[in-house]
Structure formats: structure tokens, C-alpha cells
C-alpha atoms as a PDB file:
ATOM      1  CA  MET A   1      32.005 101.074  31.708  1.00  0.00           C
ATOM      2  CA  ALA A   2      33.557 104.554  31.212  1.00  0.00           C
ATOM      3  CA  ASP A   3      31.324 107.619  31.863  1.00  0.00           C
ATOM      4  CA  SER A   4      29.868 109.673  29.237  1.00  0.00           C
ATOM      5  CA  GLY A   5      31.991 112.738  30.162  1.00  0.00           C
ATOM      6  CA  THR A   6      35.214 110.668  30.041  1.00  0.00           C
ATOM      7  CA  ILE A   7      34.162 109.237  26.622  1.00  0.00           C
ATOM      8  CA  ARG A   8      33.379 112.926  25.329  1.00  0.00           C
ATOM      9  CA  HIS A   9      36.783 114.001  26.595  1.00  0.00           C
ATOM     10  CA  PHE A  10      38.631 111.205  24.430  1.00  0.00           C
ATOM     11  CA  ILE A  11      36.517 112.074  21.382  1.00  0.00           C
ATOM     12  CA  ALA A  12      36.965 115.794  21.603  1.00  0.00           C
ATOM     13  CA  ASP A  13      41.011 115.737  22.188  1.00  0.00           C
ATOM     14  CA  GLY A  14      41.207 112.535  19.618  1.00  0.00           C
ATOM     15  CA  ARG A  15      44.712 111.857  20.129  1.00  0.00           C
ATOM     16  CA  ALA A  16      43.779 108.874  22.002  1.00  0.00           C
ATOM     17  CA  ILE A  17      41.808 107.799  19.204  1.00  0.00           C
ATOM     18  CA  ASP A  18      44.540 108.712  16.672  1.00  0.00           C
ATOM     19  CA  GLU A  19      47.082 106.726  18.787  1.00  0.00           C
ATOM     20  CA  ALA A  20      44.851 103.491  18.770  1.00  0.00           C
ATOM     21  CA  LEU A  21      44.424 103.455  14.956  1.00  0.00           C
ATOM     22  CA  ARG A  22      47.973 103.947  14.354  1.00  0.00           C
ATOM     23  CA  ARG A  23      48.500 100.876  16.833  1.00  0.00           C
ATOM     24  CA  ALA A  24      45.716  98.846  15.008  1.00  0.00           C
ATOM     25  CA  ALA A  25      47.204  99.687  11.529  1.00  0.00           C
ATOM     26  CA  ALA A  26      50.764  98.626  12.613  1.00  0.00           C
ATOM     27  CA  ALA A  27      49.000  95.523  13.834  1.00  0.00           C
ATOM     28  CA  ALA A  28      47.276  94.951  10.877  1.00  0.00           C
ATOM     29  CA  ARG A  29      50.604  95.207   8.832  1.00  0.00           C
ATOM     30  CA  ARG A  30      52.389  92.778  11.019  1.00  0.00           C
ATOM     31  CA  GLU A  31      49.860  90.320  10.833  1.00  0.00           C
ATOM     32  CA  TYR A  32      49.727  90.317   7.012  1.00  0.00           C
ATOM     33  CA  VAL A  33      53.464  90.129   6.858  1.00  0.00           C
ATOM     34  CA  ARG A  34      53.326  87.277   9.163  1.00  0.00           C
ATOM     35  CA  ALA A  35      51.001  85.560   6.898  1.00  0.00           C
ATOM     36  CA  GLY A  36      52.754  86.089   3.726  1.00  0.00           C
ATOM     37  CA  LEU A  37      49.925  88.339   2.355  1.00  0.00           C
ATOM     38  CA  SER A  38      49.599  91.483   0.485  1.00  0.00           C
ATOM     39  CA  MET A  39      47.776  94.103   2.106  1.00  0.00           C
ATOM     40  CA  PRO A  40      44.732  96.274   0.260  1.00  0.00           C
ATOM     41  CA  VAL A  41      45.163  99.928   0.837  1.00  0.00           C
ATOM     42  CA  TRP A  42      43.362 102.939  -0.717  1.00  0.00           C
ATOM     43  CA  ARG A  43      46.015 104.728  -2.660  1.00  0.00           C
ATOM     44  CA  GLY A  44      45.413 107.746  -5.277  1.00  0.00           C
ATOM     45  CA  GLY A  45      41.524 106.753  -5.263  1.00  0.00           C
ATOM     46  CA  ARG A  46      42.402 103.279  -6.093  1.00  0.00           C
ATOM     47  CA  LEU A  47      42.529  99.906  -4.379  1.00  0.00           C
ATOM     48  CA  TRP A  48      46.538  98.671  -4.266  1.00  0.00           C
ATOM     49  CA  TRP A  49      47.801  95.429  -3.006  1.00  0.00           C
ATOM     50  CA  VAL A  50      51.021  96.160  -1.274  1.00  0.00           C
ATOM     51  CA  GLU A  51      53.470  93.130  -1.134  1.00  0.00           C
ATOM     52  CA  PRO A  52      54.712  91.907   2.542  1.00  0.00           C
ATOM     53  CA  THR A  53      58.257  93.187   1.293  1.00  0.00           C
ATOM     54  CA  GLU A  54      56.903  96.830   1.086  1.00  0.00           C
ATOM     55  CA  LEU A  55      55.042  96.327   4.441  1.00  0.00           C
ATOM     56  CA  MET A  56      58.148  95.236   6.290  1.00  0.00           C
ATOM     57  CA  GLN A  57      60.262  98.221   4.692  1.00  0.00           C
ATOM     58  CA  TYR A  58      57.414 100.563   5.635  1.00  0.00           C
ATOM     59  CA  GLU A  59      57.697  99.470   9.237  1.00  0.00           C
ATOM     60  CA  SER A  60      61.270  99.302   9.638  1.00  0.00           C
ATOM     61  CA  ASP A  61      61.544 102.641   8.508  1.00  0.00           C
ATOM     62  CA  GLY A  62      59.404 103.579  11.618  1.00  0.00           C
ATOM     63  CA  HIS A  63      56.346 105.029   9.957  1.00  0.00           C
ATOM     64  CA  THR A  64      53.171 105.048  12.145  1.00  0.00           C
ATOM     65  CA  ALA A  65      50.467 106.475   9.640  1.00  0.00           C
ATOM     66  CA  THR A  66      48.584 103.951   7.457  1.00  0.00           C
ATOM     67  CA  LEU A  67      49.765 102.866   4.562  1.00  0.00           C
ATOM     68  CA  GLY A  68      48.245 104.624   1.451  1.00  0.00           C
ATOM     69  CA  HIS A  69      47.295 107.920   3.732  1.00  0.00           C
ATOM     70  CA  GLU A  70      50.095 109.950   2.599  1.00  0.00           C
ATOM     71  CA  ASP A  71      49.386 109.104  -1.191  1.00  0.00           C
ATOM     72  CA  ALA A  72      46.433 111.194  -0.981  1.00  0.00           C
ATOM     73  CA  LYS A  73      48.634 114.163  -1.375  1.00  0.00           C
ATOM     74  CA  GLY A  74      50.472 112.628  -4.003  1.00  0.00           C
ATOM     75  CA  THR A  75      53.901 111.545  -2.072  1.00  0.00           C
ATOM     76  CA  ASP A  76      54.889 107.753  -2.157  1.00  0.00           C
ATOM     77  CA  VAL A  77      54.636 105.665   0.684  1.00  0.00           C
END
């Protein structure tokens, strides 16, 4: 078990947590594509279903952020 000082360091820095979230999101996209399922994402204040083909394109373009995150600022994913 990690000591509380180490945990506080990771939380304060945030980069390791951000990277873990990016990796988890990428793994989730790959699993949805593998299963041939649309993935639910939050876009513009609404729930959207992203087709596997869009998920594959997003991944192949080298994006690391979660789908829908950029859309909060009005840009398309």
C-alpha cells in the first residue's frame, strides 16, 4: 500500500491521474470498437451514441482526450 504522502503527491501533481484517465478512455473506446457497439458520450449537454467507425477514426487520428470533452467548447470531435 502506498503511503499517504505519495498519494497526496499524485493528487497535487495531477499528471499521473490525467494520464491514467486518458489510458482508461482509450481502452474503453477499443473495447467498444472490438464489440462493434456504439459508445455513449456526453456532447454539448446531451447524451450521444458514437458509432464504432467514428471511434476508430478518433483513435487512428492520435487523439488522447476522451470523446465529447472538446465538444464542450463547441469544437467537433
